[in-house]
């Protein structure tokens, strides 16, 4: 879905994307710690738990961060917002047309 993205929104997106990516990865490490330290499970079970979580999070990461292009920006912003990586106030920094498109994408079928 190609949209005209104002330069100002594209610049904000790139800056926000970097911060959101760091937050996403930080959250993953926080999720991994209890899995790794769970002494009630064998090392092999813990390993399988870690692999399972990483596979799930890799799909989430791809949806929100892979191949950042203007044509993907709205969908990626919506994915970041849905994951709690972007606050409503941060979206206010974008133009009204971008905010409307992100909201519409978040609500509609993809």
PDB file of N, CA and C in Angstrom:
ATOM      1  N   UNK A   1       0.855  -1.169   0.000  1.00  0.00           N
ATOM      2  CA  UNK A   1       0.000   0.000   0.000  1.00  0.00           C
ATOM      3  C   UNK A   1       0.903   1.234   0.000  1.00  0.00           C
ATOM      4  N   UNK A   2       0.982   1.899  -1.113  1.00  0.00           N
ATOM      5  CA  UNK A   2       1.862   3.056  -1.251  1.00  0.00           C
ATOM      6  C   UNK A   2       1.096   4.327  -0.921  1.00  0.00           C
ATOM      7  N   UNK A   3       1.710   5.145  -0.097  1.00  0.00           N
ATOM      8  CA  UNK A   3       1.116   6.431   0.287  1.00  0.00           C
ATOM      9  C   UNK A   3       2.180   7.501   0.142  1.00  0.00           C
ATOM     10  N   UNK A   4       1.733   8.702  -0.093  1.00  0.00           N
ATOM     11  CA  UNK A   4       2.660   9.821  -0.059  1.00  0.00           C
ATOM     12  C   UNK A   4       2.930  10.152   1.403  1.00  0.00           C
ATOM     13  N   UNK A   5       4.173  10.089   1.771  1.00  0.00           N
ATOM     14  CA  UNK A   5       4.576  10.352   3.147  1.00  0.00           C
ATOM     15  C   UNK A   5       5.376  11.645   3.157  1.00  0.00           C
ATOM     16  N   UNK A   6       4.923  12.629   3.902  1.00  0.00           N
ATOM     17  CA  UNK A   6       5.690  13.877   3.991  1.00  0.00           C
ATOM     18  C   UNK A   6       7.092  13.626   4.545  1.00  0.00           C
ATOM     19  N   UNK A   7       8.047  14.398   4.077  1.00  0.00           N
ATOM     20  CA  UNK A   7       9.426  14.252   4.557  1.00  0.00           C
ATOM     21  C   UNK A   7       9.517  14.378   6.068  1.00  0.00           C
ATOM     22  N   UNK A   8       8.732  15.280   6.641  1.00  0.00           N
ATOM     23  CA  UNK A   8       8.778  15.472   8.095  1.00  0.00           C
ATOM     24  C   UNK A   8       8.333  14.206   8.831  1.00  0.00           C
ATOM     25  N   UNK A   9       7.316  13.525   8.316  1.00  0.00           N
ATOM     26  CA  UNK A   9       6.852  12.282   8.942  1.00  0.00           C
ATOM     27  C   UNK A   9       7.871  11.167   8.772  1.00  0.00           C
ATOM     28  N   UNK A  10       8.474  11.103   7.604  1.00  0.00           N
ATOM     29  CA  UNK A  10       9.485  10.077   7.349  1.00  0.00           C
ATOM     30  C   UNK A  10      10.668  10.253   8.303  1.00  0.00           C
ATOM     31  N   UNK A  11      11.093  11.489   8.516  1.00  0.00           N
ATOM     32  CA  UNK A  11      12.198  11.763   9.438  1.00  0.00           C
ATOM     33  C   UNK A  11      11.819  11.364  10.863  1.00  0.00           C
ATOM     34  N   UNK A  12      10.624  11.743  11.300  1.00  0.00           N
ATOM     35  CA  UNK A  12      10.163  11.362  12.647  1.00  0.00           C
ATOM     36  C   UNK A  12      10.085   9.850  12.792  1.00  0.00           C
ATOM     37  N   UNK A  13       9.577   9.196  11.758  1.00  0.00           N
ATOM     38  CA  UNK A  13       9.446   7.740  11.777  1.00  0.00           C
ATOM     39  C   UNK A  13      10.814   7.078  11.968  1.00  0.00           C
ATOM     40  N   UNK A  14      11.796   7.518  11.229  1.00  0.00           N
ATOM     41  CA  UNK A  14      13.124   6.908  11.329  1.00  0.00           C
ATOM     42  C   UNK A  14      13.695   7.078  12.733  1.00  0.00           C
ATOM     43  N   UNK A  15      13.490   8.244  13.331  1.00  0.00           N
ATOM     44  CA  UNK A  15      13.971   8.476  14.695  1.00  0.00           C
ATOM     45  C   UNK A  15      13.199   7.622  15.701  1.00  0.00           C
ATOM     46  N   UNK A  16      11.897   7.603  15.562  1.00  0.00           N
ATOM     47  CA  UNK A  16      11.042   6.829  16.459  1.00  0.00           C
ATOM     48  C   UNK A  16      11.313   5.332  16.321  1.00  0.00           C
ATOM     49  N   UNK A  17      11.550   4.893  15.098  1.00  0.00           N
ATOM     50  CA  UNK A  17      11.813   3.481  14.825  1.00  0.00           C
ATOM     51  C   UNK A  17      13.029   2.999  15.607  1.00  0.00           C
ATOM     52  N   UNK A  18      14.092   3.798  15.630  1.00  0.00           N
ATOM     53  CA  UNK A  18      15.311   3.402  16.344  1.00  0.00           C
ATOM     54  C   UNK A  18      15.046   3.244  17.837  1.00  0.00           C
ATOM     55  N   UNK A  19      14.325   4.188  18.415  1.00  0.00           N
ATOM     56  CA  UNK A  19      14.006   4.105  19.844  1.00  0.00           C
ATOM     57  C   UNK A  19      13.098   2.913  20.123  1.00  0.00           C
ATOM     58  N   UNK A  20      12.093   2.720  19.272  1.00  0.00           N
ATOM     59  CA  UNK A  20      11.146   1.621  19.459  1.00  0.00           C
ATOM     60  C   UNK A  20      11.829   0.261  19.302  1.00  0.00           C
ATOM     61  N   UNK A  21      12.773   0.158  18.389  1.00  0.00           N
ATOM     62  CA  UNK A  21      13.506  -1.096  18.196  1.00  0.00           C
ATOM     63  C   UNK A  21      14.321  -1.438  19.434  1.00  0.00           C
ATOM     64  N   UNK A  22      14.980  -0.449  20.009  1.00  0.00           N
ATOM     65  CA  UNK A  22      15.736  -0.681  21.238  1.00  0.00           C
ATOM     66  C   UNK A  22      14.809  -1.127  22.376  1.00  0.00           C
ATOM     67  N   UNK A  23      13.654  -0.470  22.501  1.00  0.00           N
ATOM     68  CA  UNK A  23      12.688  -0.846  23.530  1.00  0.00           C
ATOM     69  C   UNK A  23      12.181  -2.261  23.311  1.00  0.00           C
ATOM     70  N   UNK A  24      11.889  -2.600  22.059  1.00  0.00           N
ATOM     71  CA  UNK A  24      11.414  -3.947  21.734  1.00  0.00           C
ATOM     72  C   UNK A  24      12.449  -4.993  22.160  1.00  0.00           C
ATOM     73  N   UNK A  25      13.703  -4.776  21.806  1.00  0.00           N
ATOM     74  CA  UNK A  25      14.755  -5.732  22.152  1.00  0.00           C
ATOM     75  C   UNK A  25      14.968  -5.814  23.664  1.00  0.00           C
ATOM     76  N   UNK A  26      14.882  -4.685  24.328  1.00  0.00           N
ATOM     77  CA  UNK A  26      15.013  -4.667  25.792  1.00  0.00           C
ATOM     78  C   UNK A  26      13.912  -5.519  26.426  1.00  0.00           C
ATOM     79  N   UNK A  27      12.701  -5.403  25.914  1.00  0.00           N
ATOM     80  CA  UNK A  27      11.587  -6.201  26.433  1.00  0.00           C
ATOM     81  C   UNK A  27      11.820  -7.693  26.220  1.00  0.00           C
ATOM     82  N   UNK A  28      12.382  -8.039  25.083  1.00  0.00           N
ATOM     83  CA  UNK A  28      12.655  -9.452  24.815  1.00  0.00           C
ATOM     84  C   UNK A  28      13.654  -9.999  25.829  1.00  0.00           C
ATOM     85  N   UNK A  29      14.712  -9.247  26.092  1.00  0.00           N
ATOM     86  CA  UNK A  29      15.685  -9.706  27.084  1.00  0.00           C
ATOM     87  C   UNK A  29      15.027  -9.874  28.452  1.00  0.00           C
ATOM     88  N   UNK A  30      14.125  -8.993  28.801  1.00  0.00           N
ATOM     89  CA  UNK A  30      13.414  -9.109  30.080  1.00  0.00           C
ATOM     90  C   UNK A  30      12.539 -10.367  30.096  1.00  0.00           C
ATOM     91  N   UNK A  31      11.958 -10.709  28.952  1.00  0.00           N
ATOM     92  CA  UNK A  31      11.137 -11.927  28.867  1.00  0.00           C
ATOM     93  C   UNK A  31      12.002 -13.190  28.916  1.00  0.00           C
ATOM     94  N   UNK A  32      13.201 -13.105  28.396  1.00  0.00           N
ATOM     95  CA  UNK A  32      14.076 -14.276  28.357  1.00  0.00           C
ATOM     96  C   UNK A  32      14.622 -14.657  29.724  1.00  0.00           C
ATOM     97  N   UNK A  33      14.905 -13.673  30.527  1.00  0.00           N
ATOM     98  CA  UNK A  33      15.555 -13.929  31.814  1.00  0.00           C
ATOM     99  C   UNK A  33      14.830 -14.968  32.670  1.00  0.00           C
ATOM    100  N   UNK A  34      13.510 -14.822  32.899  1.00  0.00           N
ATOM    101  CA  UNK A  34      12.855 -15.842  33.722  1.00  0.00           C
ATOM    102  C   UNK A  34      12.840 -17.228  33.068  1.00  0.00           C
ATOM    103  N   UNK A  35      12.830 -17.276  31.754  1.00  0.00           N
ATOM    104  CA  UNK A  35      12.865 -18.574  31.073  1.00  0.00           C
ATOM    105  C   UNK A  35      14.210 -19.264  31.305  1.00  0.00           C
ATOM    106  N   UNK A  36      15.263 -18.509  31.192  1.00  0.00           N
ATOM    107  CA  UNK A  36      16.611 -19.053  31.352  1.00  0.00           C
ATOM    108  C   UNK A  36      16.854 -19.470  32.802  1.00  0.00           C
ATOM    109  N   UNK A  37      16.317 -18.724  33.746  1.00  0.00           N
ATOM    110  CA  UNK A  37      16.595 -18.967  35.156  1.00  0.00           C
ATOM    111  C   UNK A  37      15.612 -19.913  35.839  1.00  0.00           C
ATOM    112  N   UNK A  38      14.665 -20.447  35.102  1.00  0.00           N
ATOM    113  CA  UNK A  38      13.634 -21.319  35.672  1.00  0.00           C
ATOM    114  C   UNK A  38      14.222 -22.688  36.011  1.00  0.00           C
ATOM    115  N   UNK A  39      14.661 -22.841  37.243  1.00  0.00           N
ATOM    116  CA  UNK A  39      15.314 -24.081  37.676  1.00  0.00           C
ATOM    117  C   UNK A  39      14.342 -25.244  37.826  1.00  0.00           C
ATOM    118  N   UNK A  40      13.049 -24.995  37.723  1.00  0.00           N
ATOM    119  CA  UNK A  40      12.067 -26.078  37.774  1.00  0.00           C
ATOM    120  C   UNK A  40      12.050 -26.857  36.455  1.00  0.00           C
ATOM    121  N   UNK A  41      12.702 -26.309  35.432  1.00  0.00           N
ATOM    122  CA  UNK A  41      12.731 -26.952  34.121  1.00  0.00           C
ATOM    123  C   UNK A  41      14.162 -27.375  33.793  1.00  0.00           C
ATOM    124  N   UNK A  42      14.291 -28.396  32.975  1.00  0.00           N
ATOM    125  CA  UNK A  42      15.623 -28.841  32.561  1.00  0.00           C
ATOM    126  C   UNK A  42      16.239 -27.798  31.636  1.00  0.00           C
ATOM    127  N   UNK A  43      17.541 -27.900  31.439  1.00  0.00           N
ATOM    128  CA  UNK A  43      18.196 -26.973  30.514  1.00  0.00           C
ATOM    129  C   UNK A  43      17.613 -27.120  29.110  1.00  0.00           C
ATOM    130  N   UNK A  44      17.315 -28.331  28.729  1.00  0.00           N
ATOM    131  CA  UNK A  44      16.730 -28.535  27.400  1.00  0.00           C
ATOM    132  C   UNK A  44      15.352 -27.894  27.305  1.00  0.00           C
ATOM    133  N   UNK A  45      14.537 -28.039  28.328  1.00  0.00           N
ATOM    134  CA  UNK A  45      13.216 -27.393  28.326  1.00  0.00           C
ATOM    135  C   UNK A  45      13.356 -25.874  28.272  1.00  0.00           C
ATOM    136  N   UNK A  46      14.302 -25.356  29.031  1.00  0.00           N
ATOM    137  CA  UNK A  46      14.534 -23.907  29.004  1.00  0.00           C
ATOM    138  C   UNK A  46      14.981 -23.454  27.617  1.00  0.00           C
ATOM    139  N   UNK A  47      15.852 -24.236  27.023  1.00  0.00           N
ATOM    140  CA  UNK A  47      16.309 -23.921  25.669  1.00  0.00           C
ATOM    141  C   UNK A  47      15.114 -23.880  24.716  1.00  0.00           C
ATOM    142  N   UNK A  48      14.246 -24.882  24.783  1.00  0.00           N
ATOM    143  CA  UNK A  48      13.068 -24.924  23.911  1.00  0.00           C
ATOM    144  C   UNK A  48      12.142 -23.738  24.186  1.00  0.00           C
ATOM    145  N   UNK A  49      12.008 -23.357  25.444  1.00  0.00           N
ATOM    146  CA  UNK A  49      11.195 -22.182  25.797  1.00  0.00           C
ATOM    147  C   UNK A  49      11.766 -20.914  25.160  1.00  0.00           C
ATOM    148  N   UNK A  50      13.085 -20.774  25.223  1.00  0.00           N
ATOM    149  CA  UNK A  50      13.750 -19.608  24.650  1.00  0.00           C
ATOM    150  C   UNK A  50      13.573 -19.584  23.134  1.00  0.00           C
ATOM    151  N   UNK A  51      13.774 -20.717  22.498  1.00  0.00           N
ATOM    152  CA  UNK A  51      13.621 -20.791  21.039  1.00  0.00           C
ATOM    153  C   UNK A  51      12.195 -20.442  20.646  1.00  0.00           C
ATOM    154  N   UNK A  52      11.225 -20.966  21.364  1.00  0.00           N
ATOM    155  CA  UNK A  52       9.816 -20.684  21.061  1.00  0.00           C
ATOM    156  C   UNK A  52       9.520 -19.184  21.185  1.00  0.00           C
ATOM    157  N   UNK A  53       9.966 -18.582  22.273  1.00  0.00           N
ATOM    158  CA  UNK A  53       9.741 -17.145  22.467  1.00  0.00           C
ATOM    159  C   UNK A  53      10.421 -16.335  21.363  1.00  0.00           C
ATOM    160  N   UNK A  54      11.653 -16.683  21.035  1.00  0.00           N
ATOM    161  CA  UNK A  54      12.372 -15.930  20.007  1.00  0.00           C
ATOM    162  C   UNK A  54      11.708 -16.049  18.636  1.00  0.00           C
ATOM    163  N   UNK A  55      11.160 -17.202  18.330  1.00  0.00           N
ATOM    164  CA  UNK A  55      10.433 -17.348  17.057  1.00  0.00           C
ATOM    165  C   UNK A  55       9.210 -16.439  17.032  1.00  0.00           C
ATOM    166  N   UNK A  56       8.478 -16.402  18.141  1.00  0.00           N
ATOM    167  CA  UNK A  56       7.306 -15.517  18.222  1.00  0.00           C
ATOM    168  C   UNK A  56       7.724 -14.062  18.076  1.00  0.00           C
ATOM    169  N   UNK A  57       8.716 -13.655  18.827  1.00  0.00           N
ATOM    170  CA  UNK A  57       9.137 -12.256  18.815  1.00  0.00           C
ATOM    171  C   UNK A  57       9.775 -11.865  17.484  1.00  0.00           C
ATOM    172  N   UNK A  58      10.392 -12.827  16.800  1.00  0.00           N
ATOM    173  CA  UNK A  58      10.968 -12.527  15.502  1.00  0.00           C
ATOM    174  C   UNK A  58       9.874 -12.160  14.495  1.00  0.00           C
ATOM    175  N   UNK A  59       8.733 -12.826  14.586  1.00  0.00           N
ATOM    176  CA  UNK A  59       7.601 -12.463  13.712  1.00  0.00           C
ATOM    177  C   UNK A  59       7.114 -11.056  14.037  1.00  0.00           C
ATOM    178  N   UNK A  60       7.022 -10.739  15.325  1.00  0.00           N
ATOM    179  CA  UNK A  60       6.603  -9.395  15.738  1.00  0.00           C
ATOM    180  C   UNK A  60       7.609  -8.345  15.263  1.00  0.00           C
ATOM    181  N   UNK A  61       8.879  -8.663  15.410  1.00  0.00           N
ATOM    182  CA  UNK A  61       9.931  -7.753  14.986  1.00  0.00           C
ATOM    183  C   UNK A  61       9.845  -7.503  13.481  1.00  0.00           C
ATOM    184  N   UNK A  62       9.640  -8.537  12.711  1.00  0.00           N
ATOM    185  CA  UNK A  62       9.560  -8.396  11.258  1.00  0.00           C
ATOM    186  C   UNK A  62       8.396  -7.495  10.864  1.00  0.00           C
ATOM    187  N   UNK A  63       7.254  -7.699  11.491  1.00  0.00           N
ATOM    188  CA  UNK A  63       6.054  -6.917  11.160  1.00  0.00           C
ATOM    189  C   UNK A  63       6.268  -5.420  11.427  1.00  0.00           C
ATOM    190  N   UNK A  64       6.962  -5.115  12.492  1.00  0.00           N
ATOM    191  CA  UNK A  64       7.107  -3.712  12.883  1.00  0.00           C
ATOM    192  C   UNK A  64       8.382  -3.038  12.362  1.00  0.00           C
ATOM    193  N   UNK A  65       9.414  -3.827  12.032  1.00  0.00           N
ATOM    194  CA  UNK A  65      10.700  -3.186  11.769  1.00  0.00           C
ATOM    195  C   UNK A  65      11.406  -3.580  10.474  1.00  0.00           C
ATOM    196  N   UNK A  66      11.070  -4.697   9.877  1.00  0.00           N
ATOM    197  CA  UNK A  66      11.806  -5.119   8.685  1.00  0.00           C
ATOM    198  C   UNK A  66      11.498  -4.234   7.484  1.00  0.00           C
ATOM    199  N   UNK A  67      12.527  -4.001   6.692  1.00  0.00           N
ATOM    200  CA  UNK A  67      12.407  -3.291   5.424  1.00  0.00           C
ATOM    201  C   UNK A  67      11.707  -1.941   5.563  1.00  0.00           C
ATOM    202  N   UNK A  68      12.288  -1.043   6.363  1.00  0.00           N
ATOM    203  CA  UNK A  68      11.647   0.264   6.553  1.00  0.00           C
ATOM    204  C   UNK A  68      11.687   1.100   5.269  1.00  0.00           C
ATOM    205  N   UNK A  69      10.536   1.316   4.724  1.00  0.00           N
ATOM    206  CA  UNK A  69      10.385   2.157   3.535  1.00  0.00           C
ATOM    207  C   UNK A  69       9.156   3.019   3.746  1.00  0.00           C
ATOM    208  N   UNK A  70       9.084   4.072   2.996  1.00  0.00           N
ATOM    209  CA  UNK A  70       7.916   4.949   3.103  1.00  0.00           C
ATOM    210  C   UNK A  70       6.631   4.170   2.838  1.00  0.00           C
ATOM    211  N   UNK A  71       6.695   3.232   1.902  1.00  0.00           N
ATOM    212  CA  UNK A  71       5.499   2.468   1.563  1.00  0.00           C
ATOM    213  C   UNK A  71       5.061   1.523   2.678  1.00  0.00           C
ATOM    214  N   UNK A  72       5.930   1.270   3.656  1.00  0.00           N
ATOM    215  CA  UNK A  72       5.603   0.394   4.793  1.00  0.00           C
ATOM    216  C   UNK A  72       5.382   1.170   6.084  1.00  0.00           C
ATOM    217  N   UNK A  73       5.637   2.458   6.055  1.00  0.00           N
ATOM    218  CA  UNK A  73       5.656   3.248   7.283  1.00  0.00           C
ATOM    219  C   UNK A  73       4.353   3.170   8.075  1.00  0.00           C
ATOM    220  N   UNK A  74       3.208   3.304   7.429  1.00  0.00           N
ATOM    221  CA  UNK A  74       1.925   3.309   8.142  1.00  0.00           C
ATOM    222  C   UNK A  74       1.704   1.974   8.845  1.00  0.00           C
ATOM    223  N   UNK A  75       1.920   0.894   8.130  1.00  0.00           N
ATOM    224  CA  UNK A  75       1.731  -0.435   8.719  1.00  0.00           C
ATOM    225  C   UNK A  75       2.700  -0.675   9.870  1.00  0.00           C
ATOM    226  N   UNK A  76       3.931  -0.216   9.700  1.00  0.00           N
ATOM    227  CA  UNK A  76       4.905  -0.413  10.760  1.00  0.00           C
ATOM    228  C   UNK A  76       4.602   0.447  11.978  1.00  0.00           C
ATOM    229  N   UNK A  77       4.173   1.672  11.757  1.00  0.00           N
ATOM    230  CA  UNK A  77       3.761   2.512  12.894  1.00  0.00           C
ATOM    231  C   UNK A  77       2.584   1.886  13.632  1.00  0.00           C
ATOM    232  N   UNK A  78       1.621   1.341  12.879  1.00  0.00           N
ATOM    233  CA  UNK A  78       0.463   0.692  13.511  1.00  0.00           C
ATOM    234  C   UNK A  78       0.911  -0.517  14.325  1.00  0.00           C
ATOM    235  N   UNK A  79       1.851  -1.295  13.802  1.00  0.00           N
ATOM    236  CA  UNK A  79       2.360  -2.460  14.535  1.00  0.00           C
ATOM    237  C   UNK A  79       3.100  -2.037  15.793  1.00  0.00           C
ATOM    238  N   UNK A  80       3.889  -0.966  15.695  1.00  0.00           N
ATOM    239  CA  UNK A  80       4.605  -0.458  16.873  1.00  0.00           C
ATOM    240  C   UNK A  80       3.625   0.035  17.934  1.00  0.00           C
ATOM    241  N   UNK A  81       2.600   0.713  17.479  1.00  0.00           N
ATOM    242  CA  UNK A  81       1.568   1.233  18.395  1.00  0.00           C
ATOM    243  C   UNK A  81       0.848   0.076  19.077  1.00  0.00           C
ATOM    244  N   UNK A  82       0.473  -0.941  18.301  1.00  0.00           N
ATOM    245  CA  UNK A  82      -0.239  -2.103  18.860  1.00  0.00           C
ATOM    246  C   UNK A  82       0.621  -2.852  19.873  1.00  0.00           C
ATOM    247  N   UNK A  83       1.929  -2.813  19.696  1.00  0.00           N
ATOM    248  CA  UNK A  83       2.848  -3.491  20.613  1.00  0.00           C
ATOM    249  C   UNK A  83       3.210  -2.643  21.828  1.00  0.00           C
ATOM    250  N   UNK A  84       2.671  -1.424  21.882  1.00  0.00           N
ATOM    251  CA  UNK A  84       2.964  -0.548  23.005  1.00  0.00           C
ATOM    252  C   UNK A  84       4.341   0.087  22.930  1.00  0.00           C
ATOM    253  N   UNK A  85       4.920   0.113  21.745  1.00  0.00           N
ATOM    254  CA  UNK A  85       6.245   0.695  21.568  1.00  0.00           C
ATOM    255  C   UNK A  85       6.178   2.176  21.230  1.00  0.00           C
ATOM    256  N   UNK A  86       4.994   2.625  20.813  1.00  0.00           N
ATOM    257  CA  UNK A  86       4.770   4.025  20.464  1.00  0.00           C
ATOM    258  C   UNK A  86       3.542   4.491  21.229  1.00  0.00           C
ATOM    259  N   UNK A  87       3.701   5.550  21.972  1.00  0.00           N
ATOM    260  CA  UNK A  87       2.602   6.113  22.750  1.00  0.00           C
ATOM    261  C   UNK A  87       1.743   7.022  21.871  1.00  0.00           C
ATOM    262  N   UNK A  88       0.506   7.226  22.287  1.00  0.00           N
ATOM    263  CA  UNK A  88      -0.405   8.097  21.537  1.00  0.00           C
ATOM    264  C   UNK A  88       0.194   9.487  21.362  1.00  0.00           C
ATOM    265  N   UNK A  89       0.826  10.002  22.383  1.00  0.00           N
ATOM    266  CA  UNK A  89       1.431  11.323  22.308  1.00  0.00           C
ATOM    267  C   UNK A  89       2.531  11.413  21.267  1.00  0.00           C
ATOM    268  N   UNK A  90       3.238  10.319  21.059  1.00  0.00           N
ATOM    269  CA  UNK A  90       4.291  10.308  20.041  1.00  0.00           C
ATOM    270  C   UNK A  90       3.694  10.371  18.640  1.00  0.00           C
ATOM    271  N   UNK A  91       2.528   9.791  18.463  1.00  0.00           N
ATOM    272  CA  UNK A  91       1.862   9.863  17.159  1.00  0.00           C
ATOM    273  C   UNK A  91       1.420  11.284  16.847  1.00  0.00           C
ATOM    274  N   UNK A  92       1.203  12.083  17.891  1.00  0.00           N
ATOM    275  CA  UNK A  92       0.789  13.479  17.687  1.00  0.00           C
ATOM    276  C   UNK A  92       1.852  14.299  16.967  1.00  0.00           C
ATOM    277  N   UNK A  93       3.072  13.796  16.942  1.00  0.00           N
ATOM    278  CA  UNK A  93       4.151  14.493  16.248  1.00  0.00           C
ATOM    279  C   UNK A  93       4.030  14.364  14.727  1.00  0.00           C
ATOM    280  N   UNK A  94       3.212  13.430  14.278  1.00  0.00           N
ATOM    281  CA  UNK A  94       3.031  13.192  12.849  1.00  0.00           C
ATOM    282  C   UNK A  94       1.888  14.044  12.310  1.00  0.00           C
ATOM    283  N   UNK A  95       1.846  14.191  11.004  1.00  0.00           N
ATOM    284  CA  UNK A  95       0.762  14.953  10.386  1.00  0.00           C
ATOM    285  C   UNK A  95      -0.565  14.257  10.610  1.00  0.00           C
ATOM    286  N   UNK A  96      -1.634  15.019  10.494  1.00  0.00           N
ATOM    287  CA  UNK A  96      -2.977  14.466  10.693  1.00  0.00           C
ATOM    288  C   UNK A  96      -3.258  13.334   9.718  1.00  0.00           C
ATOM    289  N   UNK A  97      -2.803  13.465   8.493  1.00  0.00           N
ATOM    290  CA  UNK A  97      -3.067  12.414   7.499  1.00  0.00           C
ATOM    291  C   UNK A  97      -2.364  11.111   7.871  1.00  0.00           C
ATOM    292  N   UNK A  98      -1.174  11.204   8.403  1.00  0.00           N
ATOM    293  CA  UNK A  98      -0.460   9.996   8.832  1.00  0.00           C
ATOM    294  C   UNK A  98      -1.138   9.375  10.043  1.00  0.00           C
ATOM    295  N   UNK A  99      -1.521  10.200  11.010  1.00  0.00           N
ATOM    296  CA  UNK A  99      -2.213   9.668  12.193  1.00  0.00           C
ATOM    297  C   UNK A  99      -3.503   8.969  11.785  1.00  0.00           C
ATOM    298  N   UNK A 100      -4.265   9.582  10.905  1.00  0.00           N
ATOM    299  CA  UNK A 100      -5.520   8.991  10.441  1.00  0.00           C
ATOM    300  C   UNK A 100      -5.264   7.657   9.743  1.00  0.00           C
ATOM    301  N   UNK A 101      -4.227   7.602   8.918  1.00  0.00           N
ATOM    302  CA  UNK A 101      -3.903   6.371   8.205  1.00  0.00           C
ATOM    303  C   UNK A 101      -3.474   5.266   9.168  1.00  0.00           C
ATOM    304  N   UNK A 102      -2.692   5.619  10.187  1.00  0.00           N
ATOM    305  CA  UNK A 102      -2.268   4.625  11.182  1.00  0.00           C
ATOM    306  C   UNK A 102      -3.475   4.087  11.936  1.00  0.00           C
ATOM    307  N   UNK A 103      -4.363   4.956  12.358  1.00  0.00           N
ATOM    308  CA  UNK A 103      -5.579   4.542  13.063  1.00  0.00           C
ATOM    309  C   UNK A 103      -6.442   3.651  12.190  1.00  0.00           C
ATOM    310  N   UNK A 104      -6.607   4.022  10.915  1.00  0.00           N
ATOM    311  CA  UNK A 104      -7.417   3.235   9.994  1.00  0.00           C
ATOM    312  C   UNK A 104      -6.790   1.866   9.764  1.00  0.00           C
ATOM    313  N   UNK A 105      -5.477   1.824   9.622  1.00  0.00           N
ATOM    314  CA  UNK A 105      -4.810   0.542   9.414  1.00  0.00           C
ATOM    315  C   UNK A 105      -4.962  -0.340  10.645  1.00  0.00           C
ATOM    316  N   UNK A 106      -4.852   0.248  11.815  1.00  0.00           N
ATOM    317  CA  UNK A 106      -4.970  -0.520  13.050  1.00  0.00           C
ATOM    318  C   UNK A 106      -6.352  -1.132  13.216  1.00  0.00           C
ATOM    319  N   UNK A 107      -7.371  -0.470  12.699  1.00  0.00           N
ATOM    320  CA  UNK A 107      -8.762  -0.933  12.859  1.00  0.00           C
ATOM    321  C   UNK A 107      -9.187  -1.879  11.750  1.00  0.00           C
ATOM    322  N   UNK A 108      -8.677  -1.672  10.546  1.00  0.00           N
ATOM    323  CA  UNK A 108      -9.177  -2.387   9.378  1.00  0.00           C
ATOM    324  C   UNK A 108      -8.506  -3.738   9.156  1.00  0.00           C
ATOM    325  N   UNK A 109      -9.078  -4.528   8.249  1.00  0.00           N
ATOM    326  CA  UNK A 109      -8.473  -5.814   7.906  1.00  0.00           C
ATOM    327  C   UNK A 109      -7.206  -5.589   7.081  1.00  0.00           C
ATOM    328  N   UNK A 110      -6.242  -6.447   7.282  1.00  0.00           N
ATOM    329  CA  UNK A 110      -4.964  -6.300   6.565  1.00  0.00           C
ATOM    330  C   UNK A 110      -4.791  -7.501   5.677  1.00  0.00           C
TER     331      UNK A 110
END
